[in-house]
Amino acid sequence: MKWINHRIVSGMAVYVLTHDITASIATTATSVFPDWIEGKEYDRNVHRKTSHWMPLYAVPALLLFAYLYFSHCFINITAYLFTSVPVTTQTDLNKIYQHVLNILFSGSDLSNPHLTDVNFILNLFFYAFLGPIFHILEDAVCGKVPLVSLKKRHGVRLFTVGSFKEYFFVISFIAICIIIVHKGL
């Protein structure tokens, strides 16, 4: 799949699941990581090998998910960033910037003492690990990837990379996501 399509599909999928634009951006930003670490030049001997091995990303994501879920620290990142700060003036925007800086650099969010910046960052990391996971799953519909073992590859070839079918798949996926969000499903 082309990088632009990886970004679109991954970001849209996370937005539909979470309704959180910041989580979607984190996933979108990391959705091309498995290809990016292989380098700019395509090398058939390297492509979709170790960098596309699902456990590298799924194990940390599952551990983060378990911690965040069982400690009740899953958050809507966007809402957390902009909690209780109505935007009407430049002063309000400055309060938002200060709020974000407090979260990122002071060690806690003063408006919500139960959530610390550690939980905020762990949420970001969880969504960052989803990017490569979605990437690998997306590659599995246009070729084979090492899902469980580095020696055995799994997948189907519904389309070839860069083909009309790939773009049709992505446009159809976008349409379905828009319908789901619009209908509130």
Protein backbone atom coordinates (compact mmCIF):
# COMPACT_ATOMS: atom_id res chain seq x y z
CA MET A 1 0.00 0.00 0.00
CA LYS A 2 1.21 3.53 -0.74
CA TRP A 3 2.28 5.58 2.28
CA ILE A 4 -0.51 8.13 1.82
CA ASN A 5 -3.06 5.32 1.88
CA HIS A 6 -1.51 3.78 5.00
CA ARG A 7 -1.85 7.14 6.71
CA ILE A 8 -5.45 7.67 5.60
CA VAL A 9 -6.71 4.20 6.49
CA SER A 10 -4.91 4.05 9.85
CA GLY A 11 -5.98 7.54 10.91
CA MET A 12 -9.58 7.05 9.83
CA ALA A 13 -9.83 3.67 11.58
CA VAL A 14 -8.61 5.09 14.89
CA TYR A 15 -10.88 8.13 14.59
CA VAL A 16 -13.93 5.91 13.97
CA LEU A 17 -13.01 3.77 16.99
CA THR A 18 -12.14 6.62 19.38
CA HIS A 19 -13.55 9.93 18.04
CA ASP A 20 -10.21 11.35 19.19
CA ILE A 21 -8.37 13.47 16.63
CA THR A 22 -5.12 13.49 18.63
CA ALA A 23 -5.08 9.69 18.87
CA SER A 24 -5.73 9.58 15.12
CA ILE A 25 -2.83 11.92 14.46
CA ALA A 26 -0.50 9.81 16.63
CA THR A 27 -1.50 6.67 14.73
CA THR A 28 -1.28 8.40 11.36
CA ALA A 29 2.21 9.71 12.15
CA THR A 30 3.55 6.22 12.92
CA SER A 31 1.59 4.28 10.32
CA VAL A 32 4.49 4.20 7.84
CA PHE A 33 7.15 3.35 10.43
CA PRO A 34 7.71 -0.27 9.27
CA ASP A 35 8.54 0.93 5.74
CA TRP A 36 10.40 4.03 6.92
CA ILE A 37 12.94 2.09 8.98
CA GLU A 38 13.76 -0.05 5.93
CA GLY A 39 15.15 3.02 4.17
CA LYS A 40 14.17 5.00 1.11
CA GLU A 41 15.44 2.51 -1.44
CA TYR A 42 13.20 -0.49 -2.00
CA ASP A 43 15.12 -3.71 -1.35
CA ARG A 44 13.21 -6.92 -1.98
CA ASN A 45 15.51 -8.77 0.46
CA VAL A 46 14.58 -6.43 3.33
CA HIS A 47 11.01 -5.30 2.60
CA ARG A 48 8.26 -6.77 4.78
CA LYS A 49 10.64 -8.82 6.88
CA THR A 50 11.66 -7.97 10.47
CA SER A 51 10.26 -4.42 10.31
CA HIS A 52 6.81 -5.88 9.57
CA TRP A 53 6.87 -8.53 12.30
CA MET A 54 3.65 -8.02 14.26
CA PRO A 55 4.93 -8.97 17.77
CA LEU A 56 7.39 -6.03 17.71
CA TYR A 57 4.43 -3.68 17.89
CA ALA A 58 1.56 -5.83 19.18
CA VAL A 59 3.22 -6.95 22.42
CA PRO A 60 3.99 -3.41 23.68
CA ALA A 61 0.55 -2.23 22.49
CA LEU A 62 -1.19 -5.07 24.36
CA LEU A 63 0.82 -4.37 27.52
CA LEU A 64 -0.05 -0.66 27.31
CA PHE A 65 -3.68 -1.50 26.61
CA ALA A 66 -3.84 -3.81 29.64
CA TYR A 67 -2.27 -1.23 31.93
CA LEU A 68 -4.43 1.66 30.69
CA TYR A 69 -7.62 -0.39 30.69
CA PHE A 70 -7.24 -2.02 34.10
CA SER A 71 -5.98 1.14 35.78
CA HIS A 72 -8.85 3.14 34.22
CA CYS A 73 -6.44 5.54 32.57
CA PHE A 74 -7.65 5.39 28.97
CA ILE A 75 -8.47 8.95 27.98
CA ASN A 76 -9.67 10.92 25.02
CA ILE A 77 -6.35 12.67 24.45
CA THR A 78 -7.84 15.67 22.68
CA ALA A 79 -10.42 16.25 25.40
CA TYR A 80 -7.73 15.81 28.04
CA LEU A 81 -5.55 18.46 26.39
CA PHE A 82 -8.35 20.99 26.21
CA THR A 83 -10.36 20.20 29.34
CA SER A 84 -12.28 23.04 30.94
CA VAL A 85 -10.78 25.77 28.79
CA PRO A 86 -13.45 27.48 26.65
CA VAL A 87 -11.95 29.27 23.65
CA THR A 88 -13.30 32.77 23.16
CA THR A 89 -10.29 35.09 23.32
CA GLN A 90 -6.53 35.12 22.88
CA THR A 91 -6.26 34.85 26.67
CA ASP A 92 -8.22 31.58 26.49
CA LEU A 93 -5.88 30.30 23.79
CA ASN A 94 -2.95 31.19 26.03
CA LYS A 95 -4.59 29.16 28.82
CA ILE A 96 -4.82 26.17 26.45
CA TYR A 97 -1.15 26.49 25.54
CA GLN A 98 -0.24 26.75 29.21
CA HIS A 99 -2.43 23.72 29.99
CA VAL A 100 -0.68 21.65 27.30
CA LEU A 101 2.74 22.79 28.51
CA ASN A 102 1.82 21.86 32.10
CA ILE A 103 0.83 18.38 30.97
CA LEU A 104 3.96 17.86 28.90
CA PHE A 105 6.57 19.39 31.19
CA SER A 106 5.40 19.85 34.78
CA GLY A 107 4.71 16.26 35.77
CA SER A 108 0.93 16.48 36.10
CA ASP A 109 -2.24 18.04 34.88
CA LEU A 110 -3.32 20.41 37.63
CA SER A 111 -6.99 20.28 36.57
CA ASN A 112 -7.18 16.48 36.91
CA PRO A 113 -5.00 15.16 39.74
CA HIS A 114 -5.93 11.51 39.03
CA LEU A 115 -4.28 11.54 35.64
CA THR A 116 -0.61 12.32 35.39
CA ASP A 117 1.45 13.22 32.40
CA VAL A 118 2.76 9.64 32.51
CA ASN A 119 -0.73 8.33 31.74
CA PHE A 120 -1.10 10.94 29.03
CA ILE A 121 2.19 9.86 27.44
CA LEU A 122 1.31 6.15 27.80
CA ASN A 123 -1.94 6.84 25.93
CA LEU A 124 0.06 8.56 23.18
CA PHE A 125 2.46 5.60 22.99
CA PHE A 126 -0.45 3.16 22.76
CA TYR A 127 -1.84 5.00 19.74
CA ALA A 128 1.66 5.35 18.29
CA PHE A 129 2.04 1.55 18.41
CA LEU A 130 -1.29 1.18 16.60
CA GLY A 131 0.20 2.87 13.52
CA PRO A 132 2.60 0.03 12.67
CA ILE A 133 -0.04 -2.56 13.62
CA PHE A 134 -2.51 -1.07 11.15
CA HIS A 135 0.30 -0.78 8.58
CA ILE A 136 1.07 -4.50 8.83
CA LEU A 137 -2.61 -5.45 8.61
CA GLU A 138 -3.01 -3.17 5.59
CA ASP A 139 0.02 -4.75 3.92
CA ALA A 140 -1.53 -8.16 4.59
CA VAL A 141 -4.35 -7.33 2.16
CA CYS A 142 -1.93 -6.54 -0.66
CA GLY A 143 0.77 -9.15 -0.01
CA LYS A 144 2.26 -11.32 2.69
CA VAL A 145 3.74 -10.25 6.02
CA PRO A 146 5.30 -12.10 8.97
CA LEU A 147 2.40 -11.89 11.41
CA VAL A 148 3.52 -14.42 14.03
CA SER A 149 6.76 -15.99 12.84
CA LEU A 150 9.55 -14.36 10.85
CA LYS A 151 9.76 -17.56 8.80
CA LYS A 152 6.09 -17.81 7.79
CA ARG A 153 4.27 -15.01 6.00
CA HIS A 154 0.50 -14.52 5.89
CA GLY A 155 -1.79 -12.42 3.75
CA VAL A 156 -3.84 -12.14 0.60
CA ARG A 157 -3.31 -10.07 -2.50
CA LEU A 158 -6.59 -8.22 -3.02
CA PHE A 159 -4.73 -5.63 -5.09
CA THR A 160 -1.24 -4.57 -6.09
CA VAL A 161 0.42 -1.51 -4.61
CA GLY A 162 -0.46 1.69 -6.47
CA SER A 163 -3.22 0.08 -8.53
CA PHE A 164 -6.71 1.42 -9.16
CA LYS A 165 -8.03 -1.32 -6.85
CA GLU A 166 -5.90 0.04 -3.98
CA TYR A 167 -7.30 3.53 -4.36
CA PHE A 168 -10.83 2.14 -4.75
CA PHE A 169 -10.31 0.17 -1.52
CA VAL A 170 -9.15 3.31 0.32
CA ILE A 171 -11.98 5.50 -1.04
CA SER A 172 -14.51 2.81 -0.08
CA PHE A 173 -12.98 2.59 3.40
CA ILE A 174 -13.20 6.38 3.79
CA ALA A 175 -16.86 6.34 2.69
CA ILE A 176 -17.70 3.59 5.20
CA CYS A 177 -15.91 5.50 7.99
CA ILE A 178 -17.79 8.71 7.17
CA ILE A 179 -21.10 6.83 7.21
CA ILE A 180 -20.26 5.22 10.57
CA VAL A 181 -19.27 8.57 12.14
CA HIS A 182 -22.22 10.41 10.61
CA LYS A 183 -24.77 7.80 11.72
CA GLY A 184 -23.18 7.56 15.17
CA LEU A 185 -22.70 3.79 14.98
